[in-house]
Amino acid sequence: MRELTIAGVLRGVVFAGLLGVGIIWSLELVNVPTSSILAGGAILGLALSFGAQSLVKDLVNGC
């Protein structure tokens, strides 16, 4: 059962990553500047990683 859960999470993460790359690539094709979008995403990711630090620690300890 654990393998199914981890596989589902990984599938979702890969899908979200590919979707993000596709959106950025599409925006570049229509000459929309994407550097500010990427910088904002990096800041948001950093803030989420600090916020979810204890959640990730509990998840790793649970496995």
PDB file of N, CA and C in Angstrom:
ATOM      1  N   MET A   1       0.820  -1.182   0.000  1.00  0.00           N
ATOM      2  CA  MET A   1       0.000   0.000   0.000  1.00  0.00           C
ATOM      3  C   MET A   1       0.874   1.260   0.000  1.00  0.00           C
ATOM      4  N   ARG A   2       1.994   1.198   0.679  1.00  0.00           N
ATOM      5  CA  ARG A   2       2.894   2.352   0.724  1.00  0.00           C
ATOM      6  C   ARG A   2       3.449   2.667  -0.657  1.00  0.00           C
ATOM      7  N   GLU A   3       3.749   1.610  -1.433  1.00  0.00           N
ATOM      8  CA  GLU A   3       4.282   1.816  -2.779  1.00  0.00           C
ATOM      9  C   GLU A   3       3.271   2.521  -3.666  1.00  0.00           C
ATOM     10  N   LEU A   4       1.999   2.181  -3.522  1.00  0.00           N
ATOM     11  CA  LEU A   4       0.960   2.841  -4.317  1.00  0.00           C
ATOM     12  C   LEU A   4       0.852   4.321  -3.965  1.00  0.00           C
ATOM     13  N   THR A   5       0.968   4.629  -2.697  1.00  0.00           N
ATOM     14  CA  THR A   5       0.890   6.022  -2.265  1.00  0.00           C
ATOM     15  C   THR A   5       2.069   6.822  -2.785  1.00  0.00           C
ATOM     16  N   ILE A   6       3.268   6.268  -2.644  1.00  0.00           N
ATOM     17  CA  ILE A   6       4.464   6.964  -3.118  1.00  0.00           C
ATOM     18  C   ILE A   6       4.426   7.113  -4.632  1.00  0.00           C
ATOM     19  N   ALA A   7       3.968   6.080  -5.341  1.00  0.00           N
ATOM     20  CA  ALA A   7       3.869   6.163  -6.801  1.00  0.00           C
ATOM     21  C   ALA A   7       2.869   7.244  -7.223  1.00  0.00           C
ATOM     22  N   GLY A   8       1.763   7.352  -6.514  1.00  0.00           N
ATOM     23  CA  GLY A   8       0.780   8.380  -6.829  1.00  0.00           C
ATOM     24  C   GLY A   8       1.325   9.778  -6.608  1.00  0.00           C
ATOM     25  N   VAL A   9       2.062   9.960  -5.518  1.00  0.00           N
ATOM     26  CA  VAL A   9       2.657  11.267  -5.227  1.00  0.00           C
ATOM     27  C   VAL A   9       3.700  11.620  -6.282  1.00  0.00           C
ATOM     28  N   LEU A  10       4.550  10.662  -6.617  1.00  0.00           N
ATOM     29  CA  LEU A  10       5.568  10.914  -7.637  1.00  0.00           C
ATOM     30  C   LEU A  10       4.940  11.224  -8.991  1.00  0.00           C
ATOM     31  N   ARG A  11       3.879  10.523  -9.328  1.00  0.00           N
ATOM     32  CA  ARG A  11       3.178  10.786 -10.591  1.00  0.00           C
ATOM     33  C   ARG A  11       2.632  12.217 -10.610  1.00  0.00           C
ATOM     34  N   GLY A  12       2.069  12.647  -9.492  1.00  0.00           N
ATOM     35  CA  GLY A  12       1.547  14.009  -9.398  1.00  0.00           C
ATOM     36  C   GLY A  12       2.639  15.066  -9.488  1.00  0.00           C
ATOM     37  N   VAL A  13       3.775  14.806  -8.836  1.00  0.00           N
ATOM     38  CA  VAL A  13       4.889  15.755  -8.871  1.00  0.00           C
ATOM     39  C   VAL A  13       5.462  15.871 -10.280  1.00  0.00           C
ATOM     40  N   VAL A  14       5.617  14.734 -10.945  1.00  0.00           N
ATOM     41  CA  VAL A  14       6.136  14.748 -12.313  1.00  0.00           C
ATOM     42  C   VAL A  14       5.160  15.470 -13.236  1.00  0.00           C
ATOM     43  N   PHE A  15       3.874  15.214 -13.085  1.00  0.00           N
ATOM     44  CA  PHE A  15       2.879  15.884 -13.918  1.00  0.00           C
ATOM     45  C   PHE A  15       2.902  17.394 -13.696  1.00  0.00           C
ATOM     46  N   ALA A  16       2.976  17.822 -12.435  1.00  0.00           N
ATOM     47  CA  ALA A  16       3.013  19.252 -12.132  1.00  0.00           C
ATOM     48  C   ALA A  16       4.277  19.894 -12.693  1.00  0.00           C
ATOM     49  N   GLY A  17       5.392  19.199 -12.596  1.00  0.00           N
ATOM     50  CA  GLY A  17       6.647  19.721 -13.147  1.00  0.00           C
ATOM     51  C   GLY A  17       6.596  19.870 -14.652  1.00  0.00           C
ATOM     52  N   LEU A  18       6.093  18.836 -15.319  1.00  0.00           N
ATOM     53  CA  LEU A  18       5.984  18.909 -16.776  1.00  0.00           C
ATOM     54  C   LEU A  18       4.987  19.976 -17.217  1.00  0.00           C
ATOM     55  N   LEU A  19       3.914  20.131 -16.470  1.00  0.00           N
ATOM     56  CA  LEU A  19       2.934  21.163 -16.777  1.00  0.00           C
ATOM     57  C   LEU A  19       3.557  22.552 -16.622  1.00  0.00           C
ATOM     58  N   GLY A  20       4.317  22.750 -15.566  1.00  0.00           N
ATOM     59  CA  GLY A  20       4.993  24.032 -15.359  1.00  0.00           C
ATOM     60  C   GLY A  20       5.990  24.342 -16.465  1.00  0.00           C
ATOM     61  N   VAL A  21       6.780  23.351 -16.839  1.00  0.00           N
ATOM     62  CA  VAL A  21       7.750  23.540 -17.920  1.00  0.00           C
ATOM     63  C   VAL A  21       7.025  23.843 -19.231  1.00  0.00           C
ATOM     64  N   GLY A  22       5.925  23.158 -19.478  1.00  0.00           N
ATOM     65  CA  GLY A  22       5.160  23.398 -20.699  1.00  0.00           C
ATOM     66  C   GLY A  22       4.570  24.801 -20.734  1.00  0.00           C
ATOM     67  N   ILE A  23       4.087  25.268 -19.606  1.00  0.00           N
ATOM     68  CA  ILE A  23       3.521  26.622 -19.561  1.00  0.00           C
ATOM     69  C   ILE A  23       4.615  27.661 -19.796  1.00  0.00           C
ATOM     70  N   ILE A  24       5.752  27.511 -19.137  1.00  0.00           N
ATOM     71  CA  ILE A  24       6.858  28.459 -19.320  1.00  0.00           C
ATOM     72  C   ILE A  24       7.344  28.428 -20.767  1.00  0.00           C
ATOM     73  N   TRP A  25       7.459  27.250 -21.328  1.00  0.00           N
ATOM     74  CA  TRP A  25       7.922  27.116 -22.708  1.00  0.00           C
ATOM     75  C   TRP A  25       6.922  27.758 -23.676  1.00  0.00           C
ATOM     76  N   SER A  26       5.649  27.568 -23.422  1.00  0.00           N
ATOM     77  CA  SER A  26       4.624  28.173 -24.276  1.00  0.00           C
ATOM     78  C   SER A  26       4.661  29.694 -24.180  1.00  0.00           C
ATOM     79  N   LEU A  27       4.862  30.216 -22.981  1.00  0.00           N
ATOM     80  CA  LEU A  27       4.953  31.663 -22.822  1.00  0.00           C
ATOM     81  C   LEU A  27       6.175  32.227 -23.549  1.00  0.00           C
ATOM     82  N   GLU A  28       7.283  31.488 -23.536  1.00  0.00           N
ATOM     83  CA  GLU A  28       8.466  31.939 -24.262  1.00  0.00           C
ATOM     84  C   GLU A  28       8.227  31.949 -25.764  1.00  0.00           C
ATOM     85  N   LEU A  29       7.445  31.008 -26.255  1.00  0.00           N
ATOM     86  CA  LEU A  29       7.176  30.952 -27.693  1.00  0.00           C
ATOM     87  C   LEU A  29       6.373  32.147 -28.178  1.00  0.00           C
ATOM     88  N   VAL A  30       5.554  32.739 -27.312  1.00  0.00           N
ATOM     89  CA  VAL A  30       4.771  33.914 -27.697  1.00  0.00           C
ATOM     90  C   VAL A  30       5.418  35.201 -27.190  1.00  0.00           C
ATOM     91  N   ASN A  31       6.722  35.129 -26.884  1.00  0.00           N
ATOM     92  CA  ASN A  31       7.545  36.281 -26.500  1.00  0.00           C
ATOM     93  C   ASN A  31       7.073  36.995 -25.239  1.00  0.00           C
ATOM     94  N   VAL A  32       6.620  36.244 -24.260  1.00  0.00           N
ATOM     95  CA  VAL A  32       6.304  36.797 -22.944  1.00  0.00           C
ATOM     96  C   VAL A  32       7.545  36.618 -22.073  1.00  0.00           C
ATOM     97  N   PRO A  33       8.028  37.681 -21.433  1.00  0.00           N
ATOM     98  CA  PRO A  33       9.227  37.536 -20.591  1.00  0.00           C
ATOM     99  C   PRO A  33       8.938  36.639 -19.380  1.00  0.00           C
ATOM    100  N   THR A  34       9.688  35.576 -19.262  1.00  0.00           N
ATOM    101  CA  THR A  34       9.417  34.582 -18.222  1.00  0.00           C
ATOM    102  C   THR A  34      10.389  34.657 -17.049  1.00  0.00           C
ATOM    103  N   SER A  35      11.377  35.532 -17.114  1.00  0.00           N
ATOM    104  CA  SER A  35      12.363  35.584 -16.025  1.00  0.00           C
ATOM    105  C   SER A  35      11.723  36.027 -14.714  1.00  0.00           C
ATOM    106  N   SER A  36      10.786  36.965 -14.757  1.00  0.00           N
ATOM    107  CA  SER A  36      10.143  37.403 -13.517  1.00  0.00           C
ATOM    108  C   SER A  36       9.218  36.313 -12.975  1.00  0.00           C
ATOM    109  N   ILE A  37       8.601  35.547 -13.856  1.00  0.00           N
ATOM    110  CA  ILE A  37       7.745  34.440 -13.421  1.00  0.00           C
ATOM    111  C   ILE A  37       8.599  33.380 -12.726  1.00  0.00           C
ATOM    112  N   LEU A  38       9.739  33.065 -13.310  1.00  0.00           N
ATOM    113  CA  LEU A  38      10.626  32.068 -12.705  1.00  0.00           C
ATOM    114  C   LEU A  38      11.194  32.552 -11.378  1.00  0.00           C
ATOM    115  N   ALA A  39      11.548  33.834 -11.293  1.00  0.00           N
ATOM    116  CA  ALA A  39      12.067  34.372 -10.032  1.00  0.00           C
ATOM    117  C   ALA A  39      10.993  34.337  -8.948  1.00  0.00           C
ATOM    118  N   GLY A  40       9.773  34.695  -9.298  1.00  0.00           N
ATOM    119  CA  GLY A  40       8.678  34.635  -8.332  1.00  0.00           C
ATOM    120  C   GLY A  40       8.399  33.216  -7.889  1.00  0.00           C
ATOM    121  N   GLY A  41       8.480  32.274  -8.812  1.00  0.00           N
ATOM    122  CA  GLY A  41       8.290  30.872  -8.465  1.00  0.00           C
ATOM    123  C   GLY A  41       9.376  30.355  -7.544  1.00  0.00           C
ATOM    124  N   ALA A  42      10.600  30.821  -7.748  1.00  0.00           N
ATOM    125  CA  ALA A  42      11.698  30.407  -6.878  1.00  0.00           C
ATOM    126  C   ALA A  42      11.496  30.936  -5.459  1.00  0.00           C
ATOM    127  N   ILE A  43      11.067  32.174  -5.350  1.00  0.00           N
ATOM    128  CA  ILE A  43      10.817  32.752  -4.021  1.00  0.00           C
ATOM    129  C   ILE A  43       9.662  32.033  -3.340  1.00  0.00           C
ATOM    130  N   LEU A  44       8.612  31.742  -4.098  1.00  0.00           N
ATOM    131  CA  LEU A  44       7.476  31.012  -3.539  1.00  0.00           C
ATOM    132  C   LEU A  44       7.891  29.608  -3.095  1.00  0.00           C
ATOM    133  N   GLY A  45       8.705  28.932  -3.893  1.00  0.00           N
ATOM    134  CA  GLY A  45       9.194  27.612  -3.517  1.00  0.00           C
ATOM    135  C   GLY A  45      10.054  27.628  -2.275  1.00  0.00           C
ATOM    136  N   LEU A  46      10.870  28.656  -2.133  1.00  0.00           N
ATOM    137  CA  LEU A  46      11.697  28.783  -0.942  1.00  0.00           C
ATOM    138  C   LEU A  46      10.838  29.011   0.295  1.00  0.00           C
ATOM    139  N   ALA A  47       9.825  29.859   0.167  1.00  0.00           N
ATOM    140  CA  ALA A  47       8.929  30.123   1.302  1.00  0.00           C
ATOM    141  C   ALA A  47       8.156  28.864   1.678  1.00  0.00           C
ATOM    142  N   LEU A  48       7.686  28.111   0.695  1.00  0.00           N
ATOM    143  CA  LEU A  48       6.962  26.867   0.988  1.00  0.00           C
ATOM    144  C   LEU A  48       7.865  25.824   1.634  1.00  0.00           C
ATOM    145  N   SER A  49       9.115  25.768   1.184  1.00  0.00           N
ATOM    146  CA  SER A  49      10.026  24.778   1.763  1.00  0.00           C
ATOM    147  C   SER A  49      10.321  25.089   3.231  1.00  0.00           C
ATOM    148  N   PHE A  50      10.468  26.361   3.570  1.00  0.00           N
ATOM    149  CA  PHE A  50      10.665  26.710   4.982  1.00  0.00           C
ATOM    150  C   PHE A  50       9.400  26.442   5.789  1.00  0.00           C
ATOM    151  N   GLY A  51       8.250  26.695   5.201  1.00  0.00           N
ATOM    152  CA  GLY A  51       6.998  26.471   5.914  1.00  0.00           C
ATOM    153  C   GLY A  51       6.682  25.009   6.131  1.00  0.00           C
ATOM    154  N   ALA A  52       7.085  24.158   5.191  1.00  0.00           N
ATOM    155  CA  ALA A  52       6.753  22.743   5.272  1.00  0.00           C
ATOM    156  C   ALA A  52       7.895  21.901   5.833  1.00  0.00           C
ATOM    157  N   GLN A  53       8.851  22.535   6.454  1.00  0.00           N
ATOM    158  CA  GLN A  53      10.026  21.826   6.943  1.00  0.00           C
ATOM    159  C   GLN A  53       9.664  20.750   7.964  1.00  0.00           C
ATOM    160  N   SER A  54       8.834  21.065   8.923  1.00  0.00           N
ATOM    161  CA  SER A  54       8.476  20.079   9.941  1.00  0.00           C
ATOM    162  C   SER A  54       7.574  18.988   9.353  1.00  0.00           C
ATOM    163  N   LEU A  55       6.740  19.348   8.388  1.00  0.00           N
ATOM    164  CA  LEU A  55       5.892  18.347   7.736  1.00  0.00           C
ATOM    165  C   LEU A  55       6.735  17.318   6.993  1.00  0.00           C
ATOM    166  N   VAL A  56       7.739  17.775   6.285  1.00  0.00           N
ATOM    167  CA  VAL A  56       8.618  16.864   5.562  1.00  0.00           C
ATOM    168  C   VAL A  56       9.425  16.013   6.531  1.00  0.00           C
ATOM    169  N   LYS A  57       9.848  16.607   7.627  1.00  0.00           N
ATOM    170  CA  LYS A  57      10.604  15.842   8.630  1.00  0.00           C
ATOM    171  C   LYS A  57       9.733  14.717   9.213  1.00  0.00           C
ATOM    172  N   ASP A  58       8.483  15.020   9.525  1.00  0.00           N
ATOM    173  CA  ASP A  58       7.559  14.004  10.039  1.00  0.00           C
ATOM    174  C   ASP A  58       7.287  12.920   9.004  1.00  0.00           C
ATOM    175  N   LEU A  59       7.181  13.328   7.738  1.00  0.00           N
ATOM    176  CA  LEU A  59       6.939  12.352   6.663  1.00  0.00           C
ATOM    177  C   LEU A  59       8.120  11.394   6.516  1.00  0.00           C
ATOM    178  N   VAL A  60       9.323  11.924   6.549  1.00  0.00           N
ATOM    179  CA  VAL A  60      10.519  11.079   6.442  1.00  0.00           C
ATOM    180  C   VAL A  60      10.636  10.166   7.646  1.00  0.00           C
ATOM    181  N   ASN A  61      10.370  10.667   8.837  1.00  0.00           N
ATOM    182  CA  ASN A  61      10.435   9.831  10.031  1.00  0.00           C
ATOM    183  C   ASN A  61       9.363   8.745  10.010  1.00  0.00           C
ATOM    184  N   GLY A  62       8.217   9.030   9.412  1.00  0.00           N
ATOM    185  CA  GLY A  62       7.168   8.038   9.319  1.00  0.00           C
ATOM    186  C   GLY A  62       7.503   6.901   8.372  1.00  0.00           C
ATOM    187  N   CYS A  63       8.276   7.219   7.335  1.00  0.00           N
ATOM    188  CA  CYS A  63       8.666   6.166   6.392  1.00  0.00           C
ATOM    189  C   CYS A  63       9.736   5.289   6.992  1.00  0.00           C
TER     190      CYS A  63
END
